[in-house]
Amino acid sequence: MFFSCNVQFYNVNNVKDIAFIKCFGENLRRIRTSKSISQEVLAYSSDVPISQIGRIERGEINTTISTVKVIAIALNIPIKELFEF
């Protein structure tokens, strides 16, 4: 099932698509909270600083694909699920 983000995407050629980054963060937060996992536990499990988890979820940073991978592993989900929004 896809998560509806209610944000329109503009300028697909832009390397830093703010709307996409925000939707990714919202989806990560939705998945994490649906599993009753705190940011602290996710940070510990993925070896990603808690401050970075928060910035990703708020759509403040454009995270790396390597970080996406370790977060997906820590959440025990397929990587693609983080992009289903």
PDB file of N, CA and C in Angstrom:
ATOM      1  N   MET A   1       0.839  -1.169   0.000  1.00  0.00           N
ATOM      2  CA  MET A   1       0.000   0.000   0.000  1.00  0.00           C
ATOM      3  C   MET A   1       0.892   1.244   0.000  1.00  0.00           C
ATOM      4  N   PHE A   2       0.510   2.211  -0.810  1.00  0.00           N
ATOM      5  CA  PHE A   2       1.296   3.432  -0.915  1.00  0.00           C
ATOM      6  C   PHE A   2       0.764   4.497   0.024  1.00  0.00           C
ATOM      7  N   PHE A   3       1.657   5.274   0.576  1.00  0.00           N
ATOM      8  CA  PHE A   3       1.355   6.365   1.491  1.00  0.00           C
ATOM      9  C   PHE A   3       1.137   7.620   0.668  1.00  0.00           C
ATOM     10  N   SER A   4       0.058   8.314   0.897  1.00  0.00           N
ATOM     11  CA  SER A   4      -0.216   9.552   0.175  1.00  0.00           C
ATOM     12  C   SER A   4       0.476  10.712   0.862  1.00  0.00           C
ATOM     13  N   CYS A   5       1.268  11.438   0.125  1.00  0.00           N
ATOM     14  CA  CYS A   5       2.101  12.485   0.719  1.00  0.00           C
ATOM     15  C   CYS A   5       1.510  13.883   0.590  1.00  0.00           C
ATOM     16  N   ASN A   6       0.578  14.103  -0.299  1.00  0.00           N
ATOM     17  CA  ASN A   6      -0.048  15.406  -0.494  1.00  0.00           C
ATOM     18  C   ASN A   6       0.933  16.524  -0.849  1.00  0.00           C
ATOM     19  N   VAL A   7       2.039  16.197  -1.464  1.00  0.00           N
ATOM     20  CA  VAL A   7       2.992  17.199  -1.923  1.00  0.00           C
ATOM     21  C   VAL A   7       3.225  16.943  -3.399  1.00  0.00           C
ATOM     22  N   GLN A   8       3.102  17.985  -4.199  1.00  0.00           N
ATOM     23  CA  GLN A   8       3.358  17.824  -5.619  1.00  0.00           C
ATOM     24  C   GLN A   8       4.850  17.930  -5.878  1.00  0.00           C
ATOM     25  N   PHE A   9       5.330  17.155  -6.822  1.00  0.00           N
ATOM     26  CA  PHE A   9       6.742  17.157  -7.154  1.00  0.00           C
ATOM     27  C   PHE A   9       7.001  18.119  -8.306  1.00  0.00           C
ATOM     28  N   TYR A  10       8.000  18.952  -8.140  1.00  0.00           N
ATOM     29  CA  TYR A  10       8.365  19.936  -9.142  1.00  0.00           C
ATOM     30  C   TYR A  10       9.796  19.713  -9.586  1.00  0.00           C
ATOM     31  N   ASN A  11      10.087  20.104 -10.798  1.00  0.00           N
ATOM     32  CA  ASN A  11      11.447  20.107 -11.338  1.00  0.00           C
ATOM     33  C   ASN A  11      12.171  18.791 -11.068  1.00  0.00           C
ATOM     34  N   VAL A  12      11.767  17.754 -11.767  1.00  0.00           N
ATOM     35  CA  VAL A  12      12.375  16.438 -11.563  1.00  0.00           C
ATOM     36  C   VAL A  12      13.852  16.407 -11.915  1.00  0.00           C
ATOM     37  N   ASN A  13      14.342  17.420 -12.601  1.00  0.00           N
ATOM     38  CA  ASN A  13      15.758  17.473 -12.934  1.00  0.00           C
ATOM     39  C   ASN A  13      16.597  18.065 -11.808  1.00  0.00           C
ATOM     40  N   ASN A  14      15.948  18.566 -10.782  1.00  0.00           N
ATOM     41  CA  ASN A  14      16.651  19.161  -9.648  1.00  0.00           C
ATOM     42  C   ASN A  14      17.262  18.047  -8.798  1.00  0.00           C
ATOM     43  N   VAL A  15      18.549  18.137  -8.511  1.00  0.00           N
ATOM     44  CA  VAL A  15      19.237  17.109  -7.738  1.00  0.00           C
ATOM     45  C   VAL A  15      18.681  17.037  -6.315  1.00  0.00           C
ATOM     46  N   LYS A  16      18.319  18.153  -5.742  1.00  0.00           N
ATOM     47  CA  LYS A  16      17.805  18.188  -4.381  1.00  0.00           C
ATOM     48  C   LYS A  16      16.327  18.561  -4.430  1.00  0.00           C
ATOM     49  N   ASP A  17      15.478  17.581  -4.640  1.00  0.00           N
ATOM     50  CA  ASP A  17      14.042  17.776  -4.736  1.00  0.00           C
ATOM     51  C   ASP A  17      13.479  17.821  -3.319  1.00  0.00           C
ATOM     52  N   ILE A  18      13.210  19.025  -2.828  1.00  0.00           N
ATOM     53  CA  ILE A  18      12.784  19.238  -1.450  1.00  0.00           C
ATOM     54  C   ILE A  18      11.501  18.466  -1.146  1.00  0.00           C
ATOM     55  N   ALA A  19      10.529  18.484  -2.042  1.00  0.00           N
ATOM     56  CA  ALA A  19       9.265  17.790  -1.807  1.00  0.00           C
ATOM     57  C   ALA A  19       9.499  16.289  -1.653  1.00  0.00           C
ATOM     58  N   PHE A  20      10.343  15.731  -2.494  1.00  0.00           N
ATOM     59  CA  PHE A  20      10.635  14.301  -2.428  1.00  0.00           C
ATOM     60  C   PHE A  20      11.325  13.956  -1.111  1.00  0.00           C
ATOM     61  N   ILE A  21      12.286  14.784  -0.711  1.00  0.00           N
ATOM     62  CA  ILE A  21      13.023  14.550   0.536  1.00  0.00           C
ATOM     63  C   ILE A  21      12.076  14.605   1.729  1.00  0.00           C
ATOM     64  N   LYS A  22      11.143  15.553   1.725  1.00  0.00           N
ATOM     65  CA  LYS A  22      10.172  15.664   2.814  1.00  0.00           C
ATOM     66  C   LYS A  22       9.245  14.446   2.847  1.00  0.00           C
ATOM     67  N   CYS A  23       8.783  14.000   1.684  1.00  0.00           N
ATOM     68  CA  CYS A  23       7.914  12.821   1.625  1.00  0.00           C
ATOM     69  C   CYS A  23       8.652  11.576   2.104  1.00  0.00           C
ATOM     70  N   PHE A  24       9.917  11.453   1.732  1.00  0.00           N
ATOM     71  CA  PHE A  24      10.715  10.318   2.190  1.00  0.00           C
ATOM     72  C   PHE A  24      10.784  10.326   3.712  1.00  0.00           C
ATOM     73  N   GLY A  25      11.071  11.480   4.288  1.00  0.00           N
ATOM     74  CA  GLY A  25      11.165  11.598   5.739  1.00  0.00           C
ATOM     75  C   GLY A  25       9.859  11.273   6.436  1.00  0.00           C
ATOM     76  N   GLU A  26       8.755  11.779   5.894  1.00  0.00           N
ATOM     77  CA  GLU A  26       7.442  11.485   6.470  1.00  0.00           C
ATOM     78  C   GLU A  26       7.156   9.990   6.422  1.00  0.00           C
ATOM     79  N   ASN A  27       7.516   9.361   5.321  1.00  0.00           N
ATOM     80  CA  ASN A  27       7.290   7.927   5.183  1.00  0.00           C
ATOM     81  C   ASN A  27       8.157   7.138   6.160  1.00  0.00           C
ATOM     82  N   LEU A  28       9.408   7.536   6.311  1.00  0.00           N
ATOM     83  CA  LEU A  28      10.277   6.878   7.286  1.00  0.00           C
ATOM     84  C   LEU A  28       9.674   6.978   8.681  1.00  0.00           C
ATOM     85  N   ARG A  29       9.222   8.155   9.069  1.00  0.00           N
ATOM     86  CA  ARG A  29       8.621   8.341  10.392  1.00  0.00           C
ATOM     87  C   ARG A  29       7.365   7.470  10.551  1.00  0.00           C
ATOM     88  N   ARG A  30       6.543   7.422   9.511  1.00  0.00           N
ATOM     89  CA  ARG A  30       5.324   6.607   9.569  1.00  0.00           C
ATOM     90  C   ARG A  30       5.670   5.136   9.786  1.00  0.00           C
ATOM     91  N   ILE A  31       6.639   4.637   9.036  1.00  0.00           N
ATOM     92  CA  ILE A  31       7.044   3.238   9.166  1.00  0.00           C
ATOM     93  C   ILE A  31       7.623   2.977  10.552  1.00  0.00           C
ATOM     94  N   ARG A  32       8.522   3.861  10.986  1.00  0.00           N
ATOM     95  CA  ARG A  32       9.168   3.685  12.296  1.00  0.00           C
ATOM     96  C   ARG A  32       8.139   3.678  13.418  1.00  0.00           C
ATOM     97  N   THR A  33       7.226   4.631  13.402  1.00  0.00           N
ATOM     98  CA  THR A  33       6.234   4.695  14.482  1.00  0.00           C
ATOM     99  C   THR A  33       5.230   3.549  14.407  1.00  0.00           C
ATOM    100  N   SER A  34       4.934   3.076  13.204  1.00  0.00           N
ATOM    101  CA  SER A  34       4.011   1.940  13.082  1.00  0.00           C
ATOM    102  C   SER A  34       4.603   0.671  13.686  1.00  0.00           C
ATOM    103  N   LYS A  35       5.928   0.635  13.775  1.00  0.00           N
ATOM    104  CA  LYS A  35       6.612  -0.501  14.388  1.00  0.00           C
ATOM    105  C   LYS A  35       6.940  -0.226  15.859  1.00  0.00           C
ATOM    106  N   SER A  36       6.459   0.902  16.374  1.00  0.00           N
ATOM    107  CA  SER A  36       6.703   1.315  17.766  1.00  0.00           C
ATOM    108  C   SER A  36       8.194   1.358  18.096  1.00  0.00           C
ATOM    109  N   ILE A  37       8.967   1.894  17.158  1.00  0.00           N
ATOM    110  CA  ILE A  37      10.409   2.027  17.344  1.00  0.00           C
ATOM    111  C   ILE A  37      10.711   3.513  17.543  1.00  0.00           C
ATOM    112  N   SER A  38      11.445   3.842  18.580  1.00  0.00           N
ATOM    113  CA  SER A  38      11.827   5.229  18.824  1.00  0.00           C
ATOM    114  C   SER A  38      12.979   5.624  17.896  1.00  0.00           C
ATOM    115  N   GLN A  39      13.170   6.924  17.750  1.00  0.00           N
ATOM    116  CA  GLN A  39      14.317   7.400  16.981  1.00  0.00           C
ATOM    117  C   GLN A  39      15.614   6.902  17.613  1.00  0.00           C
ATOM    118  N   GLU A  40      15.651   6.865  18.928  1.00  0.00           N
ATOM    119  CA  GLU A  40      16.849   6.424  19.633  1.00  0.00           C
ATOM    120  C   GLU A  40      17.179   4.965  19.313  1.00  0.00           C
ATOM    121  N   VAL A  41      16.170   4.115  19.335  1.00  0.00           N
ATOM    122  CA  VAL A  41      16.392   2.697  19.038  1.00  0.00           C
ATOM    123  C   VAL A  41      16.809   2.523  17.582  1.00  0.00           C
ATOM    124  N   LEU A  42      16.169   3.242  16.675  1.00  0.00           N
ATOM    125  CA  LEU A  42      16.537   3.157  15.261  1.00  0.00           C
ATOM    126  C   LEU A  42      17.973   3.638  15.055  1.00  0.00           C
ATOM    127  N   ALA A  43      18.328   4.715  15.715  1.00  0.00           N
ATOM    128  CA  ALA A  43      19.695   5.232  15.604  1.00  0.00           C
ATOM    129  C   ALA A  43      20.704   4.199  16.085  1.00  0.00           C
ATOM    130  N   TYR A  44      20.425   3.590  17.206  1.00  0.00           N
ATOM    131  CA  TYR A  44      21.331   2.575  17.757  1.00  0.00           C
ATOM    132  C   TYR A  44      21.418   1.364  16.827  1.00  0.00           C
ATOM    133  N   SER A  45      20.264   0.899  16.341  1.00  0.00           N
ATOM    134  CA  SER A  45      20.221  -0.302  15.493  1.00  0.00           C
ATOM    135  C   SER A  45      20.885  -0.097  14.143  1.00  0.00           C
ATOM    136  N   SER A  46      20.831   1.119  13.640  1.00  0.00           N
ATOM    137  CA  SER A  46      21.381   1.394  12.306  1.00  0.00           C
ATOM    138  C   SER A  46      22.761   2.048  12.358  1.00  0.00           C
ATOM    139  N   ASP A  47      23.207   2.384  13.554  1.00  0.00           N
ATOM    140  CA  ASP A  47      24.485   3.089  13.741  1.00  0.00           C
ATOM    141  C   ASP A  47      24.498   4.421  12.989  1.00  0.00           C
ATOM    142  N   VAL A  48      23.339   5.084  13.019  1.00  0.00           N
ATOM    143  CA  VAL A  48      23.182   6.414  12.439  1.00  0.00           C
ATOM    144  C   VAL A  48      22.871   7.347  13.607  1.00  0.00           C
ATOM    145  N   PRO A  49      23.551   8.476  13.718  1.00  0.00           N
ATOM    146  CA  PRO A  49      23.289   9.375  14.845  1.00  0.00           C
ATOM    147  C   PRO A  49      21.809   9.766  14.942  1.00  0.00           C
ATOM    148  N   ILE A  50      21.307   9.835  16.174  1.00  0.00           N
ATOM    149  CA  ILE A  50      19.898  10.171  16.378  1.00  0.00           C
ATOM    150  C   ILE A  50      19.548  11.519  15.764  1.00  0.00           C
ATOM    151  N   SER A  51      20.477  12.466  15.822  1.00  0.00           N
ATOM    152  CA  SER A  51      20.214  13.782  15.230  1.00  0.00           C
ATOM    153  C   SER A  51      20.009  13.663  13.720  1.00  0.00           C
ATOM    154  N   GLN A  52      20.732  12.734  13.090  1.00  0.00           N
ATOM    155  CA  GLN A  52      20.589  12.532  11.649  1.00  0.00           C
ATOM    156  C   GLN A  52      19.244  11.878  11.333  1.00  0.00           C
ATOM    157  N   ILE A  53      18.812  10.931  12.151  1.00  0.00           N
ATOM    158  CA  ILE A  53      17.486  10.311  11.960  1.00  0.00           C
ATOM    159  C   ILE A  53      16.422  11.408  11.991  1.00  0.00           C
ATOM    160  N   GLY A  54      16.515  12.286  12.978  1.00  0.00           N
ATOM    161  CA  GLY A  54      15.548  13.380  13.092  1.00  0.00           C
ATOM    162  C   GLY A  54      15.574  14.301  11.886  1.00  0.00           C
ATOM    163  N   ARG A  55      16.751  14.642  11.407  1.00  0.00           N
ATOM    164  CA  ARG A  55      16.860  15.522  10.234  1.00  0.00           C
ATOM    165  C   ARG A  55      16.311  14.856   8.980  1.00  0.00           C
ATOM    166  N   ILE A  56      16.518  13.547   8.860  1.00  0.00           N
ATOM    167  CA  ILE A  56      15.955  12.816   7.710  1.00  0.00           C
ATOM    168  C   ILE A  56      14.433  12.849   7.786  1.00  0.00           C
ATOM    169  N   GLU A  57      13.887  12.539   8.953  1.00  0.00           N
ATOM    170  CA  GLU A  57      12.431  12.489   9.106  1.00  0.00           C
ATOM    171  C   GLU A  57      11.783  13.857   8.901  1.00  0.00           C
ATOM    172  N   ARG A  58      12.476  14.924   9.232  1.00  0.00           N
ATOM    173  CA  ARG A  58      11.934  16.271   9.035  1.00  0.00           C
ATOM    174  C   ARG A  58      12.180  16.791   7.616  1.00  0.00           C
ATOM    175  N   GLY A  59      12.878  16.015   6.806  1.00  0.00           N
ATOM    176  CA  GLY A  59      13.155  16.415   5.431  1.00  0.00           C
ATOM    177  C   GLY A  59      14.168  17.528   5.330  1.00  0.00           C
ATOM    178  N   GLU A  60      15.058  17.600   6.303  1.00  0.00           N
ATOM    179  CA  GLU A  60      16.060  18.658   6.323  1.00  0.00           C
ATOM    180  C   GLU A  60      17.338  18.300   5.563  1.00  0.00           C
ATOM    181  N   ILE A  61      17.574  17.005   5.372  1.00  0.00           N
ATOM    182  CA  ILE A  61      18.786  16.589   4.662  1.00  0.00           C
ATOM    183  C   ILE A  61      18.451  15.567   3.586  1.00  0.00           C
ATOM    184  N   ASN A  62      19.275  15.549   2.584  1.00  0.00           N
ATOM    185  CA  ASN A  62      19.181  14.586   1.491  1.00  0.00           C
ATOM    186  C   ASN A  62      20.151  13.449   1.836  1.00  0.00           C
ATOM    187  N   THR A  63      19.628  12.408   2.441  1.00  0.00           N
ATOM    188  CA  THR A  63      20.489  11.344   2.955  1.00  0.00           C
ATOM    189  C   THR A  63      21.089  10.493   1.845  1.00  0.00           C
ATOM    190  N   THR A  64      22.098   9.725   2.178  1.00  0.00           N
ATOM    191  CA  THR A  64      22.757   8.873   1.189  1.00  0.00           C
ATOM    192  C   THR A  64      22.022   7.543   1.050  1.00  0.00           C
ATOM    193  N   ILE A  65      22.236   6.903  -0.052  1.00  0.00           N
ATOM    194  CA  ILE A  65      21.633   5.595  -0.293  1.00  0.00           C
ATOM    195  C   ILE A  65      22.177   4.559   0.691  1.00  0.00           C
ATOM    196  N   SER A  66      23.422   4.721   1.112  1.00  0.00           N
ATOM    197  CA  SER A  66      23.995   3.807   2.113  1.00  0.00           C
ATOM    198  C   SER A  66      23.264   3.924   3.438  1.00  0.00           C
ATOM    199  N   THR A  67      22.913   5.141   3.824  1.00  0.00           N
ATOM    200  CA  THR A  67      22.158   5.340   5.057  1.00  0.00           C
ATOM    201  C   THR A  67      20.757   4.762   4.921  1.00  0.00           C
ATOM    202  N   VAL A  68      20.146   4.938   3.761  1.00  0.00           N
ATOM    203  CA  VAL A  68      18.820   4.356   3.516  1.00  0.00           C
ATOM    204  C   VAL A  68      18.879   2.840   3.694  1.00  0.00           C
ATOM    205  N   LYS A  69      19.940   2.235   3.187  1.00  0.00           N
ATOM    206  CA  LYS A  69      20.084   0.784   3.284  1.00  0.00           C
ATOM    207  C   LYS A  69      20.178   0.327   4.741  1.00  0.00           C
ATOM    208  N   VAL A  70      21.024   0.969   5.541  1.00  0.00           N
ATOM    209  CA  VAL A  70      21.172   0.520   6.928  1.00  0.00           C
ATOM    210  C   VAL A  70      19.909   0.795   7.742  1.00  0.00           C
ATOM    211  N   ILE A  71      19.177   1.855   7.417  1.00  0.00           N
ATOM    212  CA  ILE A  71      17.908   2.123   8.099  1.00  0.00           C
ATOM    213  C   ILE A  71      16.890   1.044   7.758  1.00  0.00           C
ATOM    214  N   ALA A  72      16.806   0.673   6.484  1.00  0.00           N
ATOM    215  CA  ALA A  72      15.878  -0.389   6.076  1.00  0.00           C
ATOM    216  C   ALA A  72      16.212  -1.703   6.775  1.00  0.00           C
ATOM    217  N   ILE A  73      17.482  -2.025   6.860  1.00  0.00           N
ATOM    218  CA  ILE A  73      17.902  -3.254   7.550  1.00  0.00           C
ATOM    219  C   ILE A  73      17.502  -3.189   9.018  1.00  0.00           C
ATOM    220  N   ALA A  74      17.737  -2.038   9.656  1.00  0.00           N
ATOM    221  CA  ALA A  74      17.390  -1.879  11.071  1.00  0.00           C
ATOM    222  C   ALA A  74      15.878  -1.986  11.299  1.00  0.00           C
ATOM    223  N   LEU A  75      15.088  -1.523  10.326  1.00  0.00           N
ATOM    224  CA  LEU A  75      13.632  -1.612  10.426  1.00  0.00           C
ATOM    225  C   LEU A  75      13.098  -2.971   9.984  1.00  0.00           C
ATOM    226  N   ASN A  76      13.987  -3.799   9.435  1.00  0.00           N
ATOM    227  CA  ASN A  76      13.615  -5.125   8.936  1.00  0.00           C
ATOM    228  C   ASN A  76      12.550  -5.025   7.834  1.00  0.00           C
ATOM    229  N   ILE A  77      12.815  -4.137   6.886  1.00  0.00           N
ATOM    230  CA  ILE A  77      11.909  -3.949   5.752  1.00  0.00           C
ATOM    231  C   ILE A  77      12.718  -3.923   4.464  1.00  0.00           C
ATOM    232  N   PRO A  78      12.076  -4.207   3.323  1.00  0.00           N
ATOM    233  CA  PRO A  78      12.765  -4.038   2.039  1.00  0.00           C
ATOM    234  C   PRO A  78      13.081  -2.546   1.814  1.00  0.00           C
ATOM    235  N   ILE A  79      14.198  -2.245   1.230  1.00  0.00           N
ATOM    236  CA  ILE A  79      14.585  -0.860   0.970  1.00  0.00           C
ATOM    237  C   ILE A  79      13.485  -0.112   0.209  1.00  0.00           C
ATOM    238  N   LYS A  80      12.884  -0.767  -0.745  1.00  0.00           N
ATOM    239  CA  LYS A  80      11.882  -0.105  -1.581  1.00  0.00           C
ATOM    240  C   LYS A  80      10.709   0.425  -0.776  1.00  0.00           C
ATOM    241  N   GLU A  81      10.425  -0.165   0.378  1.00  0.00           N
ATOM    242  CA  GLU A  81       9.292   0.289   1.190  1.00  0.00           C
ATOM    243  C   GLU A  81       9.492   1.731   1.668  1.00  0.00           C
ATOM    244  N   LEU A  82      10.715   2.134   1.835  1.00  0.00           N
ATOM    245  CA  LEU A  82      10.988   3.506   2.253  1.00  0.00           C
ATOM    246  C   LEU A  82      10.661   4.518   1.156  1.00  0.00           C
ATOM    247  N   PHE A  83      10.529   4.037  -0.075  1.00  0.00           N
ATOM    248  CA  PHE A  83      10.228   4.901  -1.217  1.00  0.00           C
ATOM    249  C   PHE A  83       8.781   4.768  -1.692  1.00  0.00           C
ATOM    250  N   GLU A  84       7.978   4.037  -0.986  1.00  0.00           N
ATOM    251  CA  GLU A  84       6.584   3.833  -1.384  1.00  0.00           C
ATOM    252  C   GLU A  84       5.698   4.873  -0.711  1.00  0.00           C
ATOM    253  N   PHE A  85       5.664   6.046  -1.313  1.00  0.00           N
ATOM    254  CA  PHE A  85       4.827   7.129  -0.796  1.00  0.00           C
ATOM    255  C   PHE A  85       4.184   7.877  -1.945  1.00  0.00           C
TER     256      PHE A  85
END
